């Protein structure tokens, strides 16, 4: 089954909740570096992720998105 863009964003945000480097995001989300770069740019632009010294952290806004996404996803499944 193909993951949606929202699924991928939620996966990235969950992986970054503890603070991770880009390589860990690639392995943790099963994406390549090109795609991670695209998604990180979007997520940073939306204020869902912050980068500090090469480490990516999910912001409170990003954590709220993940919570809401999981809640709404329960209705779909």
PDB file of N, CA and C in Angstrom:
ATOM      1  N   UNK A   1       0.841  -1.182   0.000  1.00  0.00           N
ATOM      2  CA  UNK A   1       0.000   0.000   0.000  1.00  0.00           C
ATOM      3  C   UNK A   1       0.887   1.248   0.000  1.00  0.00           C
ATOM      4  N   UNK A   2       0.560   2.172  -0.823  1.00  0.00           N
ATOM      5  CA  UNK A   2       1.327   3.407  -0.978  1.00  0.00           C
ATOM      6  C   UNK A   2       0.983   4.375   0.157  1.00  0.00           C
ATOM      7  N   UNK A   3       2.014   4.987   0.725  1.00  0.00           N
ATOM      8  CA  UNK A   3       1.801   5.976   1.779  1.00  0.00           C
ATOM      9  C   UNK A   3       1.449   7.324   1.164  1.00  0.00           C
ATOM     10  N   UNK A   4       0.539   8.022   1.800  1.00  0.00           N
ATOM     11  CA  UNK A   4       0.189   9.368   1.340  1.00  0.00           C
ATOM     12  C   UNK A   4       1.236  10.361   1.840  1.00  0.00           C
ATOM     13  N   UNK A   5       1.197  11.552   1.297  1.00  0.00           N
ATOM     14  CA  UNK A   5       2.122  12.587   1.751  1.00  0.00           C
ATOM     15  C   UNK A   5       1.904  12.908   3.223  1.00  0.00           C
ATOM     16  N   UNK A   6       0.667  12.857   3.673  1.00  0.00           N
ATOM     17  CA  UNK A   6       0.396  13.111   5.091  1.00  0.00           C
ATOM     18  C   UNK A   6       0.972  12.003   5.963  1.00  0.00           C
ATOM     19  N   UNK A   7       0.887  10.757   5.494  1.00  0.00           N
ATOM     20  CA  UNK A   7       1.497   9.640   6.223  1.00  0.00           C
ATOM     21  C   UNK A   7       3.003   9.866   6.363  1.00  0.00           C
ATOM     22  N   UNK A   8       3.635  10.270   5.282  1.00  0.00           N
ATOM     23  CA  UNK A   8       5.082  10.493   5.281  1.00  0.00           C
ATOM     24  C   UNK A   8       5.441  11.633   6.223  1.00  0.00           C
ATOM     25  N   UNK A   9       4.690  12.717   6.176  1.00  0.00           N
ATOM     26  CA  UNK A   9       4.943  13.844   7.080  1.00  0.00           C
ATOM     27  C   UNK A   9       4.814  13.406   8.533  1.00  0.00           C
ATOM     28  N   UNK A  10       3.773  12.660   8.841  1.00  0.00           N
ATOM     29  CA  UNK A  10       3.576  12.185  10.213  1.00  0.00           C
ATOM     30  C   UNK A  10       4.713  11.262  10.639  1.00  0.00           C
ATOM     31  N   UNK A  11       5.175  10.394   9.738  1.00  0.00           N
ATOM     32  CA  UNK A  11       6.300   9.501  10.045  1.00  0.00           C
ATOM     33  C   UNK A  11       7.569  10.295  10.349  1.00  0.00           C
ATOM     34  N   UNK A  12       7.834  11.309   9.561  1.00  0.00           N
ATOM     35  CA  UNK A  12       9.019  12.146   9.774  1.00  0.00           C
ATOM     36  C   UNK A  12       8.913  12.870  11.116  1.00  0.00           C
ATOM     37  N   UNK A  13       7.751  13.440  11.376  1.00  0.00           N
ATOM     38  CA  UNK A  13       7.559  14.171  12.625  1.00  0.00           C
ATOM     39  C   UNK A  13       7.698  13.264  13.845  1.00  0.00           C
ATOM     40  N   UNK A  14       7.182  12.054  13.751  1.00  0.00           N
ATOM     41  CA  UNK A  14       7.331  11.107  14.861  1.00  0.00           C
ATOM     42  C   UNK A  14       8.793  10.735  15.076  1.00  0.00           C
ATOM     43  N   UNK A  15       9.505  10.501  13.982  1.00  0.00           N
ATOM     44  CA  UNK A  15      10.918  10.124  14.088  1.00  0.00           C
ATOM     45  C   UNK A  15      11.748  11.262  14.672  1.00  0.00           C
ATOM     46  N   UNK A  16      11.377  12.501  14.369  1.00  0.00           N
ATOM     47  CA  UNK A  16      12.144  13.657  14.833  1.00  0.00           C
ATOM     48  C   UNK A  16      11.728  14.130  16.223  1.00  0.00           C
ATOM     49  N   UNK A  17      10.780  13.469  16.833  1.00  0.00           N
ATOM     50  CA  UNK A  17      10.289  13.927  18.135  1.00  0.00           C
ATOM     51  C   UNK A  17      11.361  13.873  19.221  1.00  0.00           C
ATOM     52  N   UNK A  18      12.360  13.018  19.045  1.00  0.00           N
ATOM     53  CA  UNK A  18      13.444  12.906  20.033  1.00  0.00           C
ATOM     54  C   UNK A  18      14.699  13.640  19.581  1.00  0.00           C
ATOM     55  N   UNK A  19      14.665  14.224  18.391  1.00  0.00           N
ATOM     56  CA  UNK A  19      15.828  14.910  17.837  1.00  0.00           C
ATOM     57  C   UNK A  19      16.726  13.924  17.111  1.00  0.00           C
ATOM     58  N   UNK A  20      16.787  14.040  15.798  1.00  0.00           N
ATOM     59  CA  UNK A  20      17.564  13.094  14.985  1.00  0.00           C
ATOM     60  C   UNK A  20      18.263  13.818  13.845  1.00  0.00           C
ATOM     61  N   UNK A  21      19.304  13.188  13.344  1.00  0.00           N
ATOM     62  CA  UNK A  21      20.004  13.696  12.159  1.00  0.00           C
ATOM     63  C   UNK A  21      19.290  13.190  10.907  1.00  0.00           C
ATOM     64  N   UNK A  22      19.614  13.809   9.794  1.00  0.00           N
ATOM     65  CA  UNK A  22      18.956  13.479   8.524  1.00  0.00           C
ATOM     66  C   UNK A  22      19.108  11.998   8.166  1.00  0.00           C
ATOM     67  N   UNK A  23      20.285  11.432   8.423  1.00  0.00           N
ATOM     68  CA  UNK A  23      20.508  10.014   8.096  1.00  0.00           C
ATOM     69  C   UNK A  23      19.533   9.121   8.847  1.00  0.00           C
ATOM     70  N   UNK A  24      19.294   9.407  10.123  1.00  0.00           N
ATOM     71  CA  UNK A  24      18.354   8.619  10.923  1.00  0.00           C
ATOM     72  C   UNK A  24      16.944   8.753  10.376  1.00  0.00           C
ATOM     73  N   UNK A  25      16.596   9.952   9.888  1.00  0.00           N
ATOM     74  CA  UNK A  25      15.275  10.136   9.281  1.00  0.00           C
ATOM     75  C   UNK A  25      15.130   9.291   8.023  1.00  0.00           C
ATOM     76  N   UNK A  26      16.184   9.238   7.204  1.00  0.00           N
ATOM     77  CA  UNK A  26      16.151   8.447   5.978  1.00  0.00           C
ATOM     78  C   UNK A  26      15.875   6.977   6.318  1.00  0.00           C
ATOM     79  N   UNK A  27      16.632   6.448   7.262  1.00  0.00           N
ATOM     80  CA  UNK A  27      16.460   5.028   7.619  1.00  0.00           C
ATOM     81  C   UNK A  27      15.147   4.785   8.361  1.00  0.00           C
ATOM     82  N   UNK A  28      14.765   5.717   9.224  1.00  0.00           N
ATOM     83  CA  UNK A  28      13.553   5.535  10.021  1.00  0.00           C
ATOM     84  C   UNK A  28      12.266   5.661   9.238  1.00  0.00           C
ATOM     85  N   UNK A  29      12.305   6.354   8.117  1.00  0.00           N
ATOM     86  CA  UNK A  29      11.093   6.564   7.330  1.00  0.00           C
ATOM     87  C   UNK A  29      11.100   5.821   5.999  1.00  0.00           C
ATOM     88  N   UNK A  30      12.215   5.154   5.713  1.00  0.00           N
ATOM     89  CA  UNK A  30      12.359   4.391   4.471  1.00  0.00           C
ATOM     90  C   UNK A  30      12.226   5.280   3.234  1.00  0.00           C
ATOM     91  N   UNK A  31      12.812   6.476   3.314  1.00  0.00           N
ATOM     92  CA  UNK A  31      12.844   7.393   2.187  1.00  0.00           C
ATOM     93  C   UNK A  31      14.296   7.594   1.775  1.00  0.00           C
ATOM     94  N   UNK A  32      14.504   8.230   0.645  1.00  0.00           N
ATOM     95  CA  UNK A  32      15.877   8.542   0.244  1.00  0.00           C
ATOM     96  C   UNK A  32      16.199   9.997   0.626  1.00  0.00           C
ATOM     97  N   UNK A  33      17.470  10.358   0.488  1.00  0.00           N
ATOM     98  CA  UNK A  33      17.900  11.689   0.910  1.00  0.00           C
ATOM     99  C   UNK A  33      17.217  12.798   0.112  1.00  0.00           C
ATOM    100  N   UNK A  34      16.953  12.558  -1.156  1.00  0.00           N
ATOM    101  CA  UNK A  34      16.283  13.574  -1.978  1.00  0.00           C
ATOM    102  C   UNK A  34      14.884  13.858  -1.455  1.00  0.00           C
ATOM    103  N   UNK A  35      14.126  12.808  -1.165  1.00  0.00           N
ATOM    104  CA  UNK A  35      12.763  13.000  -0.652  1.00  0.00           C
ATOM    105  C   UNK A  35      12.758  13.612   0.742  1.00  0.00           C
ATOM    106  N   UNK A  36      13.665  13.158   1.598  1.00  0.00           N
ATOM    107  CA  UNK A  36      13.735  13.722   2.956  1.00  0.00           C
ATOM    108  C   UNK A  36      13.990  15.219   2.877  1.00  0.00           C
ATOM    109  N   UNK A  37      14.861  15.620   1.986  1.00  0.00           N
ATOM    110  CA  UNK A  37      15.186  17.037   1.829  1.00  0.00           C
ATOM    111  C   UNK A  37      13.935  17.839   1.435  1.00  0.00           C
ATOM    112  N   UNK A  38      13.144  17.295   0.508  1.00  0.00           N
ATOM    113  CA  UNK A  38      11.913  17.964   0.065  1.00  0.00           C
ATOM    114  C   UNK A  38      10.928  18.087   1.221  1.00  0.00           C
ATOM    115  N   UNK A  39      10.723  16.994   1.939  1.00  0.00           N
ATOM    116  CA  UNK A  39       9.756  17.010   3.044  1.00  0.00           C
ATOM    117  C   UNK A  39      10.226  17.884   4.198  1.00  0.00           C
ATOM    118  N   UNK A  40      11.517  17.852   4.505  1.00  0.00           N
ATOM    119  CA  UNK A  40      12.026  18.702   5.584  1.00  0.00           C
ATOM    120  C   UNK A  40      11.826  20.173   5.267  1.00  0.00           C
ATOM    121  N   UNK A  41      12.040  20.534   4.014  1.00  0.00           N
ATOM    122  CA  UNK A  41      11.835  21.933   3.606  1.00  0.00           C
ATOM    123  C   UNK A  41      10.383  22.350   3.854  1.00  0.00           C
ATOM    124  N   UNK A  42       9.441  21.474   3.484  1.00  0.00           N
ATOM    125  CA  UNK A  42       8.019  21.765   3.711  1.00  0.00           C
ATOM    126  C   UNK A  42       7.711  21.859   5.198  1.00  0.00           C
ATOM    127  N   UNK A  43       8.173  20.873   5.961  1.00  0.00           N
ATOM    128  CA  UNK A  43       7.857  20.813   7.388  1.00  0.00           C
ATOM    129  C   UNK A  43       8.473  21.972   8.157  1.00  0.00           C
ATOM    130  N   UNK A  44       9.669  22.385   7.773  1.00  0.00           N
ATOM    131  CA  UNK A  44      10.295  23.548   8.404  1.00  0.00           C
ATOM    132  C   UNK A  44       9.506  24.814   8.046  1.00  0.00           C
ATOM    133  N   UNK A  45       9.106  24.924   6.786  1.00  0.00           N
ATOM    134  CA  UNK A  45       8.316  26.075   6.337  1.00  0.00           C
ATOM    135  C   UNK A  45       6.987  26.200   7.057  1.00  0.00           C
ATOM    136  N   UNK A  46       6.390  25.069   7.396  1.00  0.00           N
ATOM    137  CA  UNK A  46       5.110  25.065   8.120  1.00  0.00           C
ATOM    138  C   UNK A  46       5.297  25.241   9.621  1.00  0.00           C
ATOM    139  N   UNK A  47       6.546  25.222  10.084  1.00  0.00           N
ATOM    140  CA  UNK A  47       6.807  25.364  11.507  1.00  0.00           C
ATOM    141  C   UNK A  47       6.628  24.078  12.289  1.00  0.00           C
ATOM    142  N   UNK A  48       6.656  22.936  11.599  1.00  0.00           N
ATOM    143  CA  UNK A  48       6.463  21.639  12.258  1.00  0.00           C
ATOM    144  C   UNK A  48       7.776  21.025  12.724  1.00  0.00           C
ATOM    145  N   UNK A  49       8.883  21.448  12.134  1.00  0.00           N
ATOM    146  CA  UNK A  49      10.210  20.930  12.481  1.00  0.00           C
ATOM    147  C   UNK A  49      11.181  22.103  12.553  1.00  0.00           C
ATOM    148  N   UNK A  50      12.141  21.979  13.479  1.00  0.00           N
ATOM    149  CA  UNK A  50      13.240  22.935  13.574  1.00  0.00           C
ATOM    150  C   UNK A  50      14.542  22.173  13.437  1.00  0.00           C
ATOM    151  N   UNK A  51      15.560  22.848  12.906  1.00  0.00           N
ATOM    152  CA  UNK A  51      16.885  22.236  12.769  1.00  0.00           C
ATOM    153  C   UNK A  51      17.870  23.043  13.600  1.00  0.00           C
ATOM    154  N   UNK A  52      18.685  22.334  14.359  1.00  0.00           N
ATOM    155  CA  UNK A  52      19.699  22.987  15.184  1.00  0.00           C
ATOM    156  C   UNK A  52      20.959  22.139  15.158  1.00  0.00           C
ATOM    157  N   UNK A  53      21.991  22.636  14.511  1.00  0.00           N
ATOM    158  CA  UNK A  53      23.261  21.915  14.462  1.00  0.00           C
ATOM    159  C   UNK A  53      23.183  20.586  13.739  1.00  0.00           C
ATOM    160  N   UNK A  54      22.351  20.512  12.712  1.00  0.00           N
ATOM    161  CA  UNK A  54      22.216  19.270  11.952  1.00  0.00           C
ATOM    162  C   UNK A  54      21.270  18.264  12.574  1.00  0.00           C
ATOM    163  N   UNK A  55      20.629  18.641  13.682  1.00  0.00           N
ATOM    164  CA  UNK A  55      19.667  17.764  14.348  1.00  0.00           C
ATOM    165  C   UNK A  55      18.280  18.368  14.153  1.00  0.00           C
ATOM    166  N   UNK A  56      17.335  17.519  13.777  1.00  0.00           N
ATOM    167  CA  UNK A  56      15.966  17.950  13.506  1.00  0.00           C
ATOM    168  C   UNK A  56      15.066  17.573  14.676  1.00  0.00           C
ATOM    169  N   UNK A  57      14.256  18.548  15.098  1.00  0.00           N
ATOM    170  CA  UNK A  57      13.354  18.376  16.234  1.00  0.00           C
ATOM    171  C   UNK A  57      11.933  18.719  15.811  1.00  0.00           C
ATOM    172  N   UNK A  58      10.977  17.929  16.240  1.00  0.00           N
ATOM    173  CA  UNK A  58       9.574  18.238  16.005  1.00  0.00           C
ATOM    174  C   UNK A  58       9.160  19.332  16.979  1.00  0.00           C
ATOM    175  N   UNK A  59       8.528  20.368  16.469  1.00  0.00           N
ATOM    176  CA  UNK A  59       8.050  21.469  17.308  1.00  0.00           C
ATOM    177  C   UNK A  59       6.734  21.066  17.974  1.00  0.00           C
ATOM    178  N   UNK A  60       6.281  21.892  18.894  1.00  0.00           N
ATOM    179  CA  UNK A  60       4.974  21.638  19.529  1.00  0.00           C
ATOM    180  C   UNK A  60       3.863  21.651  18.484  1.00  0.00           C
ATOM    181  N   UNK A  61       3.990  22.546  17.515  1.00  0.00           N
ATOM    182  CA  UNK A  61       3.006  22.600  16.424  1.00  0.00           C
ATOM    183  C   UNK A  61       3.012  21.290  15.638  1.00  0.00           C
ATOM    184  N   UNK A  62       4.211  20.742  15.373  1.00  0.00           N
ATOM    185  CA  UNK A  62       4.333  19.471  14.668  1.00  0.00           C
ATOM    186  C   UNK A  62       3.769  18.317  15.476  1.00  0.00           C
ATOM    187  N   UNK A  63       4.005  18.332  16.782  1.00  0.00           N
ATOM    188  CA  UNK A  63       3.460  17.278  17.655  1.00  0.00           C
ATOM    189  C   UNK A  63       1.933  17.333  17.659  1.00  0.00           C
ATOM    190  N   UNK A  64       1.389  18.548  17.642  1.00  0.00           N
ATOM    191  CA  UNK A  64      -0.069  18.702  17.569  1.00  0.00           C
ATOM    192  C   UNK A  64      -0.624  18.138  16.266  1.00  0.00           C
ATOM    193  N   UNK A  65       0.099  18.368  15.176  1.00  0.00           N
ATOM    194  CA  UNK A  65      -0.320  17.817  13.888  1.00  0.00           C
ATOM    195  C   UNK A  65      -0.377  16.295  13.951  1.00  0.00           C
ATOM    196  N   UNK A  66       0.661  15.675  14.512  1.00  0.00           N
ATOM    197  CA  UNK A  66       0.719  14.207  14.586  1.00  0.00           C
ATOM    198  C   UNK A  66      -0.443  13.681  15.421  1.00  0.00           C
ATOM    199  N   UNK A  67      -0.715  14.313  16.553  1.00  0.00           N
ATOM    200  CA  UNK A  67      -1.833  13.879  17.408  1.00  0.00           C
ATOM    201  C   UNK A  67      -3.150  13.961  16.648  1.00  0.00           C
ATOM    202  N   UNK A  68      -3.385  15.099  15.985  1.00  0.00           N
ATOM    203  CA  UNK A  68      -4.630  15.269  15.227  1.00  0.00           C
ATOM    204  C   UNK A  68      -4.715  14.300  14.062  1.00  0.00           C
ATOM    205  N   UNK A  69      -3.591  14.084  13.395  1.00  0.00           N
ATOM    206  CA  UNK A  69      -3.562  13.174  12.256  1.00  0.00           C
ATOM    207  C   UNK A  69      -3.909  11.751  12.689  1.00  0.00           C
ATOM    208  N   UNK A  70      -3.315  11.309  13.799  1.00  0.00           N
ATOM    209  CA  UNK A  70      -3.605   9.954  14.296  1.00  0.00           C
ATOM    210  C   UNK A  70      -5.080   9.824  14.685  1.00  0.00           C
ATOM    211  N   UNK A  71      -5.605  10.856  15.313  1.00  0.00           N
ATOM    212  CA  UNK A  71      -7.004  10.832  15.727  1.00  0.00           C
ATOM    213  C   UNK A  71      -7.939  10.735  14.516  1.00  0.00           C
ATOM    214  N   UNK A  72      -7.661  11.544  13.499  1.00  0.00           N
ATOM    215  CA  UNK A  72      -8.494  11.516  12.302  1.00  0.00           C
ATOM    216  C   UNK A  72      -8.302  10.217  11.516  1.00  0.00           C
ATOM    217  N   UNK A  73      -7.091   9.689  11.530  1.00  0.00           N
ATOM    218  CA  UNK A  73      -6.802   8.466  10.807  1.00  0.00           C
ATOM    219  C   UNK A  73      -7.564   7.261  11.362  1.00  0.00           C
ATOM    220  N   UNK A  74      -7.933   7.325  12.629  1.00  0.00           N
ATOM    221  CA  UNK A  74      -8.721   6.249  13.245  1.00  0.00           C
ATOM    222  C   UNK A  74     -10.072   6.089  12.553  1.00  0.00           C
ATOM    223  N   UNK A  75     -10.627   7.186  12.075  1.00  0.00           N
ATOM    224  CA  UNK A  75     -11.929   7.143  11.412  1.00  0.00           C
ATOM    225  C   UNK A  75     -11.825   6.521  10.015  1.00  0.00           C
ATOM    226  N   UNK A  76     -10.669   6.669   9.394  1.00  0.00           N
ATOM    227  CA  UNK A  76     -10.463   6.156   8.037  1.00  0.00           C
ATOM    228  C   UNK A  76     -10.216   4.652   8.059  1.00  0.00           C
ATOM    229  N   UNK A  77      -9.428   4.213   9.019  1.00  0.00           N
ATOM    230  CA  UNK A  77      -9.092   2.788   9.108  1.00  0.00           C
ATOM    231  C   UNK A  77     -10.242   2.037   9.645  1.00  0.00           C
TER     232      UNK A  77
END
